C-alpha atoms as a PDB file:
ATOM      1  CA  MET A   1     -12.607 -19.233  54.963  1.00  0.00           C
ATOM      2  CA  ASN A   2     -15.836 -20.208  56.756  1.00  0.00           C
ATOM      3  CA  LEU A   3     -19.399 -19.194  55.968  1.00  0.00           C
ATOM      4  CA  ILE A   4     -19.441 -16.225  58.375  1.00  0.00           C
ATOM      5  CA  SER A   5     -16.183 -14.835  56.965  1.00  0.00           C
ATOM      6  CA  ARG A   6     -17.494 -15.079  53.412  1.00  0.00           C
ATOM      7  CA  TYR A   7     -20.730 -13.390  54.450  1.00  0.00           C
ATOM      8  CA  ILE A   8     -18.946 -10.428  56.066  1.00  0.00           C
ATOM      9  CA  ILE A   9     -16.565  -9.996  53.123  1.00  0.00           C
ATOM     10  CA  ARG A  10     -19.458 -10.221  50.653  1.00  0.00           C
ATOM     11  CA  GLN A  11     -21.411  -7.552  52.539  1.00  0.00           C
ATOM     12  CA  MET A  12     -18.419  -5.204  52.607  1.00  0.00           C
ATOM     13  CA  ALA A  13     -17.611  -5.868  48.951  1.00  0.00           C
ATOM     14  CA  VAL A  14     -21.171  -5.064  47.866  1.00  0.00           C
ATOM     15  CA  MET A  15     -21.163  -1.767  49.761  1.00  0.00           C
ATOM     16  CA  ALA A  16     -17.696  -0.898  48.400  1.00  0.00           C
ATOM     17  CA  VAL A  17     -18.893  -1.488  44.827  1.00  0.00           C
ATOM     18  CA  TYR A  18     -21.999   0.628  45.448  1.00  0.00           C
ATOM     19  CA  ALA A  19     -19.847   3.439  46.837  1.00  0.00           C
ATOM     20  CA  LEU A  20     -17.471   3.203  43.866  1.00  0.00           C
ATOM     21  CA  LEU A  21     -20.330   3.301  41.352  1.00  0.00           C
ATOM     22  CA  ALA A  22     -21.813   6.337  43.092  1.00  0.00           C
ATOM     23  CA  PHE A  23     -18.477   8.166  42.950  1.00  0.00           C
ATOM     24  CA  LEU A  24     -17.966   7.220  39.297  1.00  0.00           C
ATOM     25  CA  ALA A  25     -21.441   8.456  38.386  1.00  0.00           C
ATOM     26  CA  LEU A  26     -20.703  11.784  40.071  1.00  0.00           C
ATOM     27  CA  TYR A  27     -17.299  12.131  38.414  1.00  0.00           C
ATOM     28  CA  SER A  28     -18.753  11.176  35.030  1.00  0.00           C
ATOM     29  CA  PHE A  29     -21.363  13.909  35.368  1.00  0.00           C
ATOM     30  CA  PHE A  30     -18.747  16.588  36.039  1.00  0.00           C
ATOM     31  CA  GLU A  31     -16.432  15.166  33.358  1.00  0.00           C
ATOM     32  CA  ILE A  32     -19.205  15.449  30.779  1.00  0.00           C
ATOM     33  CA  LEU A  33     -20.013  18.990  31.908  1.00  0.00           C
ATOM     34  CA  TYR A  34     -16.356  19.942  31.487  1.00  0.00           C
ATOM     35  CA  GLU A  35     -16.024  18.244  28.111  1.00  0.00           C
ATOM     36  CA  THR A  36     -19.042  20.052  26.666  1.00  0.00           C
ATOM     37  CA  GLY A  37     -16.689  23.007  26.244  1.00  0.00           C
ATOM     38  CA  ASN A  38     -14.791  20.992  23.621  1.00  0.00           C
ATOM     39  CA  LEU A  39     -17.865  20.025  21.597  1.00  0.00           C
ATOM     40  CA  GLY A  40     -17.661  21.291  18.040  1.00  0.00           C
ATOM     41  CA  LYS A  41     -13.868  21.458  17.975  1.00  0.00           C
ATOM     42  CA  GLY A  42     -12.822  19.530  14.901  1.00  0.00           C
ATOM     43  CA  SER A  43     -14.891  16.357  14.766  1.00  0.00           C
ATOM     44  CA  TYR A  44     -15.258  16.140  18.548  1.00  0.00           C
ATOM     45  CA  GLY A  45     -18.956  15.427  19.048  1.00  0.00           C
ATOM     46  CA  ILE A  46     -21.237  13.843  21.621  1.00  0.00           C
ATOM     47  CA  TRP A  47     -20.222  10.255  20.855  1.00  0.00           C
ATOM     48  CA  GLU A  48     -16.526  11.130  21.068  1.00  0.00           C
ATOM     49  CA  MET A  49     -17.176  12.911  24.368  1.00  0.00           C
ATOM     50  CA  LEU A  50     -19.065   9.927  25.811  1.00  0.00           C
ATOM     51  CA  GLY A  51     -16.385   7.531  24.592  1.00  0.00           C
ATOM     52  CA  TYR A  52     -13.661   9.692  26.121  1.00  0.00           C
ATOM     53  CA  THR A  53     -15.520   9.823  29.451  1.00  0.00           C
ATOM     54  CA  ALA A  54     -16.111   6.061  29.482  1.00  0.00           C
ATOM     55  CA  LEU A  55     -12.471   5.251  28.741  1.00  0.00           C
ATOM     56  CA  LYS A  56     -11.351   7.534  31.582  1.00  0.00           C
ATOM     57  CA  MET A  57     -13.503   5.679  34.130  1.00  0.00           C
ATOM     58  CA  PRO A  58     -10.931   2.960  34.983  1.00  0.00           C
ATOM     59  CA  ALA A  59      -8.420   5.667  35.906  1.00  0.00           C
ATOM     60  CA  ARG A  60     -11.043   7.363  38.063  1.00  0.00           C
ATOM     61  CA  ALA A  61     -11.911   3.996  39.648  1.00  0.00           C
ATOM     62  CA  TYR A  62      -8.239   3.458  40.467  1.00  0.00           C
ATOM     63  CA  GLU A  63      -8.091   6.835  42.216  1.00  0.00           C
ATOM     64  CA  LEU A  64     -11.355   6.314  44.102  1.00  0.00           C
ATOM     65  CA  MET A  65     -10.989   2.637  45.034  1.00  0.00           C
ATOM     66  CA  PRO A  66      -9.337   3.189  48.470  1.00  0.00           C
ATOM     67  CA  LEU A  67     -12.033   5.661  49.505  1.00  0.00           C
ATOM     68  CA  ALA A  68     -14.807   3.391  48.217  1.00  0.00           C
ATOM     69  CA  VAL A  69     -13.361   0.420  50.126  1.00  0.00           C
ATOM     70  CA  LEU A  70     -13.135   2.462  53.329  1.00  0.00           C
ATOM     71  CA  ILE A  71     -16.700   3.742  53.025  1.00  0.00           C
ATOM     72  CA  GLY A  72     -18.015   0.329  51.994  1.00  0.00           C
ATOM     73  CA  GLY A  73     -16.358  -1.350  54.959  1.00  0.00           C
ATOM     74  CA  LEU A  74     -17.627   1.204  57.460  1.00  0.00           C
ATOM     75  CA  VAL A  75     -21.187   1.200  56.103  1.00  0.00           C
ATOM     76  CA  SER A  76     -21.420  -2.594  55.982  1.00  0.00           C
ATOM     77  CA  LEU A  77     -20.084  -2.963  59.532  1.00  0.00           C
ATOM     78  CA  SER A  78     -22.500  -0.316  60.789  1.00  0.00           C
ATOM     79  CA  GLN A  79     -25.373  -2.163  59.093  1.00  0.00           C
ATOM     80  CA  LEU A  80     -24.283  -5.432  60.689  1.00  0.00           C
ATOM     81  CA  ALA A  81     -24.134  -3.718  64.059  1.00  0.00           C
ATOM     82  CA  ALA A  82     -27.511  -2.005  63.586  1.00  0.00           C
ATOM     83  CA  GLY A  83     -29.143  -5.313  62.720  1.00  0.00           C
ATOM     84  CA  SER A  84     -27.506  -7.017  65.722  1.00  0.00           C
ATOM     85  CA  GLU A  85     -25.781  -9.389  63.288  1.00  0.00           C
ATOM     86  CA  LEU A  86     -22.376  -8.337  64.568  1.00  0.00           C
ATOM     87  CA  THR A  87     -23.460  -9.144  68.125  1.00  0.00           C
ATOM     88  CA  VAL A  88     -24.671 -12.581  67.055  1.00  0.00           C
ATOM     89  CA  ILE A  89     -21.430 -13.222  65.165  1.00  0.00           C
ATOM     90  CA  LYS A  90     -19.346 -12.323  68.220  1.00  0.00           C
ATOM     91  CA  ALA A  91     -21.607 -14.408  70.450  1.00  0.00           C
ATOM     92  CA  SER A  92     -20.995 -17.391  68.168  1.00  0.00           C
ATOM     93  CA  GLY A  93     -17.361 -17.319  69.216  1.00  0.00           C
ATOM     94  CA  MET A  94     -15.696 -14.997  66.713  1.00  0.00           C
ATOM     95  CA  SER A  95     -13.022 -12.936  68.432  1.00  0.00           C
ATOM     96  CA  THR A  96     -12.079  -9.343  67.656  1.00  0.00           C
ATOM     97  CA  LYS A  97      -8.764 -10.631  66.312  1.00  0.00           C
ATOM     98  CA  LYS A  98     -10.599 -12.900  63.865  1.00  0.00           C
ATOM     99  CA  LEU A  99     -12.819 -10.008  62.778  1.00  0.00           C
ATOM    100  CA  LEU A 100      -9.746  -7.857  62.124  1.00  0.00           C
ATOM    101  CA  LEU A 101      -8.277 -10.714  60.080  1.00  0.00           C
ATOM    102  CA  ILE A 102     -11.432 -10.775  57.949  1.00  0.00           C
ATOM    103  CA  LEU A 103     -11.136  -7.024  57.410  1.00  0.00           C
ATOM    104  CA  SER A 104      -7.516  -7.519  56.345  1.00  0.00           C
ATOM    105  CA  GLN A 105      -8.555 -10.194  53.849  1.00  0.00           C
ATOM    106  CA  PHE A 106     -11.189  -7.859  52.451  1.00  0.00           C
ATOM    107  CA  GLY A 107      -8.623  -5.068  52.076  1.00  0.00           C
ATOM    108  CA  PHE A 108      -6.101  -7.437  50.475  1.00  0.00           C
ATOM    109  CA  ILE A 109      -8.594  -8.581  47.840  1.00  0.00           C
ATOM    110  CA  PHE A 110      -9.373  -5.008  46.823  1.00  0.00           C
ATOM    111  CA  ALA A 111      -5.686  -4.049  46.980  1.00  0.00           C
ATOM    112  CA  ILE A 112      -4.915  -6.678  44.335  1.00  0.00           C
ATOM    113  CA  ALA A 113      -7.808  -5.426  42.206  1.00  0.00           C
ATOM    114  CA  THR A 114      -6.596  -1.829  42.583  1.00  0.00           C
ATOM    115  CA  VAL A 115      -3.025  -2.695  41.582  1.00  0.00           C
ATOM    116  CA  ALA A 116      -4.238  -4.637  38.539  1.00  0.00           C
ATOM    117  CA  LEU A 117      -6.477  -1.741  37.540  1.00  0.00           C
ATOM    118  CA  GLY A 118      -3.748   0.856  37.998  1.00  0.00           C
ATOM    119  CA  GLU A 119      -0.938  -1.092  36.347  1.00  0.00           C
ATOM    120  CA  TRP A 120      -2.609  -2.639  33.315  1.00  0.00           C
ATOM    121  CA  VAL A 121      -6.135  -1.423  32.625  1.00  0.00           C
ATOM    122  CA  ALA A 122      -6.305   2.288  33.498  1.00  0.00           C
ATOM    123  CA  PRO A 123      -3.093   3.505  31.756  1.00  0.00           C
ATOM    124  CA  THR A 124      -3.943   1.797  28.467  1.00  0.00           C
ATOM    125  CA  LEU A 125      -7.524   3.039  28.343  1.00  0.00           C
ATOM    126  CA  SER A 126      -6.588   6.543  29.516  1.00  0.00           C
ATOM    127  CA  GLN A 127      -4.020   6.806  26.748  1.00  0.00           C
ATOM    128  CA  LYS A 128      -6.587   5.587  24.229  1.00  0.00           C
ATOM    129  CA  ALA A 129      -9.063   8.190  25.514  1.00  0.00           C
ATOM    130  CA  GLU A 130      -6.554  11.021  25.115  1.00  0.00           C
ATOM    131  CA  ASN A 131      -5.616   9.774  21.646  1.00  0.00           C
ATOM    132  CA  ILE A 132      -9.263   9.718  20.565  1.00  0.00           C
ATOM    133  CA  LYS A 133      -9.864  13.206  21.928  1.00  0.00           C
ATOM    134  CA  ALA A 134      -6.728  14.684  20.375  1.00  0.00           C
ATOM    135  CA  ALA A 135      -7.424  12.998  17.059  1.00  0.00           C
ATOM    136  CA  ALA A 136     -11.025  14.246  16.966  1.00  0.00           C
ATOM    137  CA  ILE A 137     -10.105  17.826  17.846  1.00  0.00           C
ATOM    138  CA  ASN A 138      -6.968  18.151  15.734  1.00  0.00           C
ATOM    139  CA  GLY A 139      -7.947  15.940  12.822  1.00  0.00           C
ATOM    140  CA  LYS A 140      -6.640  12.393  12.705  1.00  0.00           C
ATOM    141  CA  ILE A 141      -5.058  11.066   9.538  1.00  0.00           C
ATOM    142  CA  SER A 142      -4.385   7.472  10.552  1.00  0.00           C
ATOM    143  CA  THR A 143      -3.171   5.244  13.365  1.00  0.00           C
ATOM    144  CA  GLY A 144      -1.128   2.091  13.432  1.00  0.00           C
ATOM    145  CA  ASN A 145       2.117   0.603  14.674  1.00  0.00           C
ATOM    146  CA  THR A 146       3.851   3.924  14.002  1.00  0.00           C
ATOM    147  CA  GLY A 147       1.586   5.841  16.409  1.00  0.00           C
ATOM    148  CA  ILE A 148      -0.878   8.625  15.721  1.00  0.00           C
ATOM    149  CA  TRP A 149      -0.718  10.914  12.712  1.00  0.00           C
ATOM    150  CA  LEU A 150      -2.195  14.410  13.013  1.00  0.00           C
ATOM    151  CA  LYS A 151      -2.546  17.353  10.666  1.00  0.00           C
ATOM    152  CA  GLU A 152      -2.144  20.829  12.170  1.00  0.00           C
ATOM    153  CA  LYS A 153      -2.363  23.657   9.628  1.00  0.00           C
ATOM    154  CA  ASN A 154       0.572  23.058   7.229  1.00  0.00           C
ATOM    155  CA  SER A 155       2.282  20.518   9.484  1.00  0.00           C
ATOM    156  CA  ILE A 156       2.036  16.749   9.612  1.00  0.00           C
ATOM    157  CA  ILE A 157       2.748  15.357  13.062  1.00  0.00           C
ATOM    158  CA  ASN A 158       3.553  11.825  14.162  1.00  0.00           C
ATOM    159  CA  VAL A 159       3.206  11.019  17.874  1.00  0.00           C
ATOM    160  CA  ARG A 160       4.332   7.617  19.101  1.00  0.00           C
ATOM    161  CA  GLU A 161       2.504   7.824  22.435  1.00  0.00           C
ATOM    162  CA  MET A 162       0.410  10.195  24.542  1.00  0.00           C
ATOM    163  CA  LEU A 163       0.563   9.826  28.332  1.00  0.00           C
ATOM    164  CA  PRO A 164      -2.421  10.469  30.645  1.00  0.00           C
ATOM    165  CA  ASP A 165      -0.858  13.791  31.760  1.00  0.00           C
ATOM    166  CA  HIS A 166      -0.926  14.939  28.082  1.00  0.00           C
ATOM    167  CA  THR A 167       2.837  14.500  27.630  1.00  0.00           C
ATOM    168  CA  LEU A 168       3.674  13.433  24.075  1.00  0.00           C
ATOM    169  CA  LEU A 169       6.458  10.944  23.359  1.00  0.00           C
ATOM    170  CA  GLY A 170       8.347  10.310  20.140  1.00  0.00           C
ATOM    171  CA  ILE A 171       7.347  13.339  18.074  1.00  0.00           C
ATOM    172  CA  LYS A 172       8.153  13.932  14.412  1.00  0.00           C
ATOM    173  CA  ILE A 173       6.954  17.062  12.602  1.00  0.00           C
ATOM    174  CA  TRP A 174       7.083  17.836   8.893  1.00  0.00           C
ATOM    175  CA  ALA A 175       6.173  21.438   8.018  1.00  0.00           C
ATOM    176  CA  ARG A 176       5.252  22.483   4.476  1.00  0.00           C
ATOM    177  CA  ASN A 177       5.250  25.952   2.952  1.00  0.00           C
ATOM    178  CA  ASP A 178       2.531  27.578   0.857  1.00  0.00           C
ATOM    179  CA  LYS A 179       3.843  25.739  -2.218  1.00  0.00           C
ATOM    180  CA  ASN A 180       3.315  22.427  -0.413  1.00  0.00           C
ATOM    181  CA  GLU A 181       7.063  21.885  -0.268  1.00  0.00           C
ATOM    182  CA  LEU A 182       8.836  20.457   2.770  1.00  0.00           C
ATOM    183  CA  ALA A 183      10.166  23.449   4.701  1.00  0.00           C
ATOM    184  CA  GLU A 184      11.260  21.901   7.995  1.00  0.00           C
ATOM    185  CA  ALA A 185      11.550  18.528   9.719  1.00  0.00           C
ATOM    186  CA  VAL A 186      11.730  18.354  13.507  1.00  0.00           C
ATOM    187  CA  GLU A 187      12.132  15.412  15.895  1.00  0.00           C
ATOM    188  CA  ALA A 188      11.812  15.373  19.683  1.00  0.00           C
ATOM    189  CA  ASP A 189      11.790  12.792  22.444  1.00  0.00           C
ATOM    190  CA  SER A 190       8.872  14.431  24.249  1.00  0.00           C
ATOM    191  CA  ALA A 191       6.620  17.473  24.329  1.00  0.00           C
ATOM    192  CA  VAL A 192       4.655  19.198  27.093  1.00  0.00           C
ATOM    193  CA  LEU A 193       1.695  21.538  26.809  1.00  0.00           C
ATOM    194  CA  ASN A 194       2.397  25.231  27.439  1.00  0.00           C
ATOM    195  CA  SER A 195      -0.067  27.556  29.147  1.00  0.00           C
ATOM    196  CA  ASP A 196      -0.727  29.302  25.815  1.00  0.00           C
ATOM    197  CA  GLY A 197      -1.820  26.046  24.176  1.00  0.00           C
ATOM    198  CA  SER A 198       1.400  25.396  22.227  1.00  0.00           C
ATOM    199  CA  TRP A 199       3.574  22.321  22.644  1.00  0.00           C
ATOM    200  CA  GLN A 200       7.167  22.663  23.873  1.00  0.00           C
ATOM    201  CA  LEU A 201       9.458  20.077  22.306  1.00  0.00           C
ATOM    202  CA  LYS A 202      12.216  18.747  24.550  1.00  0.00           C
ATOM    203  CA  LYS A 203      15.632  17.049  24.328  1.00  0.00           C
ATOM    204  CA  HIS A 204      16.395  18.086  20.760  1.00  0.00           C
ATOM    205  CA  PRO A 205      17.872  21.607  20.787  1.00  0.00           C
ATOM    206  CA  PRO A 206      17.032  24.077  19.481  1.00  0.00           C
ATOM    207  CA  GLN A 207      13.562  23.801  20.974  1.00  0.00           C
ATOM    208  CA  HIS A 208      10.509  24.679  18.934  1.00  0.00           C
ATOM    209  CA  ALA A 209       6.956  25.608  19.812  1.00  0.00           C
ATOM    210  CA  TRP A 210       4.106  24.876  17.407  1.00  0.00           C
END
């Protein structure tokens, strides 16, 4: 990769990063506005809200990366053209085919970054964000290798994993009566959120809602 190729890719990369940061700032603003409705629920406060928003940013970046790359590429090329740099580059002997190859290299670099972000970084941090939010709102007992432990009224709940779409995996529920005696024990492979705010347990009939 020669000096001109590196220069063009660097210009496009800078504009793509600027576009991505602008989108993330906008999404963070609306995310915070939305999350203010949950302030005061349980121990969910400002710091929990900011932490939740920050941990969700990699997932947002993964969603917005293609658009940011497109906008960054177009803006940088238009700037090169406006400053006559593109004309000089073509006059130096660079063909349209070579320019398209540079654009492909730029797209390939960001494609690798997007895949890495979507496969390894975003899912882990999104799950952690949802766990923190759920624990703060519902009242966390402890976390560890056995998952998250929550207390909901007279029930103790163990959740192995929470997915970004709010699906719970590996649920165990122990319900106690007014005498603090074990009244019911329920296990389920997964649970989804109902429209009324209850969780529907699946794969272990009979199904329960709590």
